[in-house]
N, C-alpha and C. Protein backbone atom coordinates (compact mmCIF):
# COMPACT_ATOMS: atom_id res chain seq x y z
N MET A 1 126.78 123.50 68.32
CA MET A 1 126.03 122.52 69.08
C MET A 1 125.15 123.26 70.06
N SER A 2 123.92 122.77 70.20
CA SER A 2 123.01 123.49 71.09
C SER A 2 122.05 122.53 71.78
N LEU A 3 121.67 122.93 72.98
CA LEU A 3 120.72 122.16 73.77
C LEU A 3 119.31 122.62 73.44
N LYS A 4 118.47 121.67 73.11
CA LYS A 4 117.06 121.94 72.85
C LYS A 4 116.26 120.91 73.64
N HIS A 5 114.97 121.05 73.62
CA HIS A 5 114.11 120.06 74.25
C HIS A 5 113.18 119.46 73.20
N VAL A 6 112.97 118.17 73.32
CA VAL A 6 112.11 117.44 72.41
C VAL A 6 110.91 116.94 73.22
N VAL A 7 109.72 117.19 72.71
CA VAL A 7 108.51 116.67 73.33
C VAL A 7 108.16 115.38 72.60
N ILE A 8 108.18 114.29 73.32
CA ILE A 8 107.81 112.99 72.77
C ILE A 8 106.33 112.78 73.09
N LEU A 9 105.58 112.45 72.07
CA LEU A 9 104.15 112.20 72.24
C LEU A 9 103.90 110.74 71.86
N ARG A 10 103.30 110.00 72.78
CA ARG A 10 103.00 108.60 72.47
C ARG A 10 101.53 108.34 72.72
N ALA A 11 101.07 107.22 72.24
CA ALA A 11 99.67 106.85 72.37
C ALA A 11 99.26 106.79 73.83
N GLY A 12 98.16 107.44 74.15
CA GLY A 12 97.62 107.44 75.51
C GLY A 12 96.48 106.45 75.64
N PRO A 13 95.83 106.43 76.79
CA PRO A 13 94.76 105.46 77.03
C PRO A 13 93.54 105.63 76.12
N GLN A 14 93.35 106.82 75.56
CA GLN A 14 92.20 107.04 74.66
C GLN A 14 92.57 106.91 73.19
N TRP A 15 93.81 106.51 72.90
CA TRP A 15 94.26 106.30 71.51
C TRP A 15 93.47 105.15 70.91
N GLN A 16 92.98 105.32 69.70
CA GLN A 16 92.26 104.26 69.00
C GLN A 16 93.28 103.40 68.26
N ALA A 17 93.50 102.21 68.77
CA ALA A 17 94.51 101.30 68.20
C ALA A 17 94.26 101.07 66.72
N GLY A 18 95.35 101.03 65.97
CA GLY A 18 95.28 100.76 64.54
C GLY A 18 94.92 101.95 63.69
N GLN A 19 94.67 103.09 64.32
CA GLN A 19 94.29 104.29 63.58
C GLN A 19 95.44 105.29 63.55
N PRO A 20 95.67 105.93 62.40
CA PRO A 20 96.73 106.95 62.35
C PRO A 20 96.33 108.19 63.15
N LEU A 21 97.31 109.02 63.42
CA LEU A 21 97.08 110.23 64.20
C LEU A 21 95.96 111.08 63.61
N ARG A 22 95.95 111.23 62.29
CA ARG A 22 94.94 112.11 61.67
C ARG A 22 93.51 111.61 61.88
N SER A 23 93.36 110.34 62.28
CA SER A 23 92.03 109.79 62.55
C SER A 23 91.67 109.81 64.03
N GLN A 24 92.57 110.24 64.87
CA GLN A 24 92.33 110.26 66.31
C GLN A 24 91.49 111.48 66.70
N ARG A 25 90.77 111.34 67.80
CA ARG A 25 90.02 112.48 68.34
C ARG A 25 91.00 113.59 68.71
N PHE A 26 90.59 114.81 68.56
CA PHE A 26 91.36 116.02 68.92
C PHE A 26 92.57 116.26 68.02
N HIS A 27 92.63 115.62 66.87
CA HIS A 27 93.76 115.82 65.96
C HIS A 27 93.84 117.26 65.47
N VAL A 28 92.72 117.82 65.03
CA VAL A 28 92.71 119.19 64.51
C VAL A 28 93.11 120.17 65.61
N GLU A 29 92.58 119.97 66.80
CA GLU A 29 92.89 120.84 67.93
C GLU A 29 94.37 120.70 68.34
N HIS A 30 94.89 119.48 68.25
CA HIS A 30 96.30 119.21 68.53
C HIS A 30 97.19 120.02 67.58
N LEU A 31 96.88 119.98 66.30
CA LEU A 31 97.67 120.74 65.32
C LEU A 31 97.56 122.25 65.57
N ALA A 32 96.37 122.72 65.86
CA ALA A 32 96.18 124.16 66.12
C ALA A 32 96.96 124.60 67.35
N HIS A 33 96.99 123.74 68.36
CA HIS A 33 97.73 124.06 69.59
C HIS A 33 99.21 124.26 69.28
N TRP A 34 99.83 123.31 68.58
CA TRP A 34 101.26 123.41 68.30
C TRP A 34 101.57 124.49 67.27
N ALA A 35 100.61 124.83 66.42
CA ALA A 35 100.81 125.92 65.45
C ALA A 35 101.06 127.24 66.17
N LYS A 36 100.51 127.40 67.37
CA LYS A 36 100.75 128.63 68.14
C LYS A 36 102.24 128.81 68.41
N TRP A 37 102.89 127.75 68.85
CA TRP A 37 104.33 127.84 69.13
C TRP A 37 105.14 127.95 67.84
N LEU A 38 104.71 127.25 66.80
CA LEU A 38 105.40 127.35 65.51
C LEU A 38 105.39 128.79 65.03
N ASN A 39 104.24 129.44 65.10
CA ASN A 39 104.11 130.83 64.65
C ASN A 39 104.89 131.82 65.49
N LYS A 40 105.16 131.47 66.75
CA LYS A 40 105.96 132.33 67.64
C LYS A 40 107.45 132.02 67.56
N GLY A 41 107.83 131.02 66.77
CA GLY A 41 109.24 130.65 66.67
C GLY A 41 109.73 129.79 67.83
N LEU A 42 108.82 129.25 68.62
CA LEU A 42 109.21 128.42 69.76
C LEU A 42 109.28 126.93 69.41
N LEU A 43 108.74 126.57 68.25
CA LEU A 43 108.75 125.19 67.77
C LEU A 43 109.47 125.17 66.42
N LEU A 44 110.46 124.29 66.30
CA LEU A 44 111.22 124.20 65.06
C LEU A 44 110.59 123.25 64.06
N ASP A 45 110.11 122.11 64.57
CA ASP A 45 109.56 121.09 63.68
C ASP A 45 108.82 120.07 64.51
N GLY A 46 108.07 119.25 63.86
CA GLY A 46 107.35 118.19 64.55
C GLY A 46 106.74 117.25 63.54
N GLY A 47 106.30 116.12 64.01
CA GLY A 47 105.67 115.16 63.12
C GLY A 47 105.33 113.87 63.84
N HIS A 48 104.68 113.00 63.09
CA HIS A 48 104.26 111.72 63.68
C HIS A 48 105.18 110.59 63.22
N PHE A 49 105.20 109.56 64.02
CA PHE A 49 105.96 108.36 63.68
C PHE A 49 105.15 107.53 62.68
N MET A 50 105.83 106.93 61.75
CA MET A 50 105.15 106.17 60.71
C MET A 50 104.50 104.88 61.22
N ASP A 51 104.85 104.45 62.43
CA ASP A 51 104.21 103.25 62.98
C ASP A 51 102.95 103.59 63.77
N HIS A 52 102.51 104.84 63.69
CA HIS A 52 101.28 105.32 64.34
C HIS A 52 101.32 105.19 65.86
N SER A 53 102.50 105.35 66.43
CA SER A 53 102.62 105.24 67.88
C SER A 53 102.72 106.61 68.57
N GLY A 54 102.65 107.68 67.81
CA GLY A 54 102.78 109.02 68.37
C GLY A 54 103.66 109.88 67.49
N GLY A 55 104.45 110.77 68.12
CA GLY A 55 105.30 111.65 67.36
C GLY A 55 106.19 112.47 68.26
N LEU A 56 106.78 113.54 67.70
CA LEU A 56 107.64 114.39 68.50
C LEU A 56 107.60 115.82 67.99
N MET A 57 107.97 116.71 68.87
CA MET A 57 108.07 118.13 68.58
C MET A 57 109.45 118.60 69.02
N ILE A 58 110.14 119.34 68.17
CA ILE A 58 111.46 119.87 68.50
C ILE A 58 111.31 121.34 68.84
N CYS A 59 111.57 121.66 70.08
CA CYS A 59 111.43 123.05 70.56
C CYS A 59 112.67 123.87 70.18
N ALA A 60 112.47 125.15 70.04
CA ALA A 60 113.56 126.06 69.71
C ALA A 60 114.51 126.20 70.90
N GLU A 61 115.74 126.57 70.59
CA GLU A 61 116.72 126.82 71.64
C GLU A 61 116.19 127.90 72.57
N GLY A 62 116.35 127.71 73.86
CA GLY A 62 115.87 128.67 74.85
C GLY A 62 114.56 128.27 75.50
N VAL A 63 113.82 127.36 74.88
CA VAL A 63 112.59 126.85 75.50
C VAL A 63 113.03 125.89 76.61
N THR A 64 112.59 126.14 77.82
CA THR A 64 112.99 125.29 78.94
C THR A 64 112.19 124.00 78.97
N GLU A 65 112.70 123.04 79.71
CA GLU A 65 111.98 121.78 79.89
C GLU A 65 110.61 122.03 80.52
N GLU A 66 110.58 122.92 81.49
CA GLU A 66 109.32 123.23 82.17
C GLU A 66 108.33 123.89 81.21
N ASP A 67 108.80 124.84 80.40
CA ASP A 67 107.92 125.49 79.43
C ASP A 67 107.37 124.49 78.43
N ALA A 68 108.23 123.60 77.96
CA ALA A 68 107.81 122.59 76.98
C ALA A 68 106.76 121.66 77.57
N MET A 69 106.97 121.22 78.82
CA MET A 69 106.02 120.31 79.45
C MET A 69 104.70 121.02 79.75
N GLU A 70 104.78 122.26 80.18
CA GLU A 70 103.56 123.01 80.46
C GLU A 70 102.72 123.19 79.18
N PHE A 71 103.39 123.55 78.09
CA PHE A 71 102.67 123.74 76.83
C PHE A 71 102.11 122.41 76.33
N ALA A 72 102.91 121.35 76.40
CA ALA A 72 102.45 120.04 75.94
C ALA A 72 101.25 119.56 76.75
N SER A 73 101.24 119.85 78.04
CA SER A 73 100.14 119.39 78.90
C SER A 73 98.82 120.09 78.56
N LYS A 74 98.91 121.22 77.86
CA LYS A 74 97.70 121.94 77.44
C LYS A 74 97.21 121.52 76.05
N ASP A 75 97.95 120.64 75.40
CA ASP A 75 97.53 120.09 74.11
C ASP A 75 96.21 119.34 74.33
N PRO A 76 95.16 119.67 73.57
CA PRO A 76 93.87 118.99 73.77
C PRO A 76 93.95 117.47 73.66
N ALA A 77 94.82 116.96 72.81
CA ALA A 77 94.96 115.50 72.68
C ALA A 77 95.60 114.91 73.94
N VAL A 78 96.48 115.66 74.58
CA VAL A 78 97.10 115.21 75.83
C VAL A 78 96.08 115.33 76.97
N LYS A 79 95.41 116.47 77.05
CA LYS A 79 94.43 116.69 78.12
C LYS A 79 93.33 115.63 78.10
N ASN A 80 93.01 115.12 76.94
CA ASN A 80 91.92 114.15 76.80
C ASN A 80 92.40 112.71 76.68
N GLY A 81 93.68 112.46 76.97
CA GLY A 81 94.19 111.10 77.03
C GLY A 81 94.48 110.40 75.72
N VAL A 82 94.38 111.11 74.60
CA VAL A 82 94.72 110.50 73.31
C VAL A 82 96.23 110.35 73.20
N LEU A 83 96.95 111.33 73.70
CA LEU A 83 98.41 111.30 73.70
C LEU A 83 98.94 111.49 75.11
N ILE A 84 100.11 110.97 75.35
CA ILE A 84 100.87 111.20 76.58
C ILE A 84 102.14 111.92 76.16
N ALA A 85 102.48 112.99 76.87
CA ALA A 85 103.66 113.79 76.53
C ALA A 85 104.72 113.68 77.61
N TYR A 86 105.96 113.63 77.16
CA TYR A 86 107.08 113.80 78.08
C TYR A 86 108.18 114.53 77.34
N VAL A 87 109.06 115.17 78.07
CA VAL A 87 110.08 116.03 77.50
C VAL A 87 111.45 115.47 77.80
N LYS A 88 112.33 115.52 76.80
CA LYS A 88 113.71 115.10 76.98
C LYS A 88 114.63 116.21 76.48
N PRO A 89 115.71 116.47 77.19
CA PRO A 89 116.71 117.40 76.65
C PRO A 89 117.41 116.72 75.48
N TRP A 90 117.72 117.50 74.46
CA TRP A 90 118.32 116.96 73.24
C TRP A 90 119.48 117.88 72.85
N TYR A 91 120.63 117.29 72.73
CA TYR A 91 121.81 118.06 72.36
C TYR A 91 122.03 117.91 70.87
N GLN A 92 121.71 118.96 70.12
CA GLN A 92 121.82 118.93 68.66
C GLN A 92 123.29 119.03 68.27
N THR A 93 123.79 118.02 67.58
CA THR A 93 125.19 118.03 67.19
C THR A 93 125.40 117.93 65.69
N VAL A 94 124.65 117.12 65.00
CA VAL A 94 124.93 116.84 63.59
C VAL A 94 124.82 118.08 62.73
N THR A 95 123.76 118.86 62.85
CA THR A 95 123.62 120.07 62.04
C THR A 95 124.78 121.02 62.29
N SER A 96 125.15 121.16 63.53
CA SER A 96 126.25 122.05 63.88
C SER A 96 127.56 121.57 63.27
N LEU A 97 127.76 120.27 63.25
CA LEU A 97 129.00 119.73 62.71
C LEU A 97 129.06 119.88 61.20
N VAL A 98 127.93 119.72 60.55
CA VAL A 98 127.89 119.88 59.10
C VAL A 98 128.11 121.34 58.73
N ALA A 99 127.50 122.23 59.51
CA ALA A 99 127.62 123.67 59.24
C ALA A 99 129.01 124.19 59.54
N ALA A 100 129.69 123.58 60.49
CA ALA A 100 131.02 124.04 60.90
C ALA A 100 131.96 122.83 60.98
N PRO A 101 132.48 122.37 59.83
CA PRO A 101 133.33 121.18 59.84
C PRO A 101 134.51 121.28 60.81
N SER A 102 134.99 122.47 61.08
CA SER A 102 136.12 122.61 62.00
C SER A 102 135.73 122.22 63.43
N ALA A 103 134.43 122.17 63.69
CA ALA A 103 133.96 121.81 65.03
C ALA A 103 133.83 120.30 65.22
N ARG A 104 134.10 119.55 64.16
CA ARG A 104 133.96 118.10 64.26
C ARG A 104 134.95 117.54 65.28
N PRO A 105 134.50 116.60 66.09
CA PRO A 105 135.41 116.00 67.07
C PRO A 105 136.49 115.18 66.37
N ARG A 106 137.66 115.14 66.96
CA ARG A 106 138.75 114.35 66.39
C ARG A 106 138.47 112.86 66.55
N ASP A 107 137.76 112.51 67.60
CA ASP A 107 137.44 111.12 67.87
C ASP A 107 136.05 110.82 67.30
N PRO A 108 135.93 110.01 66.24
CA PRO A 108 134.63 109.75 65.62
C PRO A 108 133.66 109.02 66.54
N ASP A 109 134.16 108.42 67.61
CA ASP A 109 133.27 107.70 68.56
C ASP A 109 132.79 108.62 69.67
N ARG A 110 133.12 109.89 69.60
CA ARG A 110 132.78 110.83 70.67
C ARG A 110 131.29 111.02 70.85
N PHE A 111 130.52 110.84 69.81
CA PHE A 111 129.08 111.05 69.91
C PHE A 111 128.55 110.08 70.91
């Protein structure tokens, strides 16, 4: 089990309603920005929500909340109001439990 940070991205004031992320302004720049962290191993995964309301990025273990927010705030889509970013700590449990069945809690309601 490990603590990570998740960057939640939601539609900002400049989001074009009814349009998917790929049609929003600064989409290409947004992807290029996050590719920097992906290439450095600081980003594990990311993607958009199917209801076109935004998306999320899962930061690698060791990335602090402050680092995640600072990087997210430099996203061109965030800087230009297409997206709004906020960071939440996320305690990854399921992958760890599947990988190490002996680590499963005895109480199934513990989650």
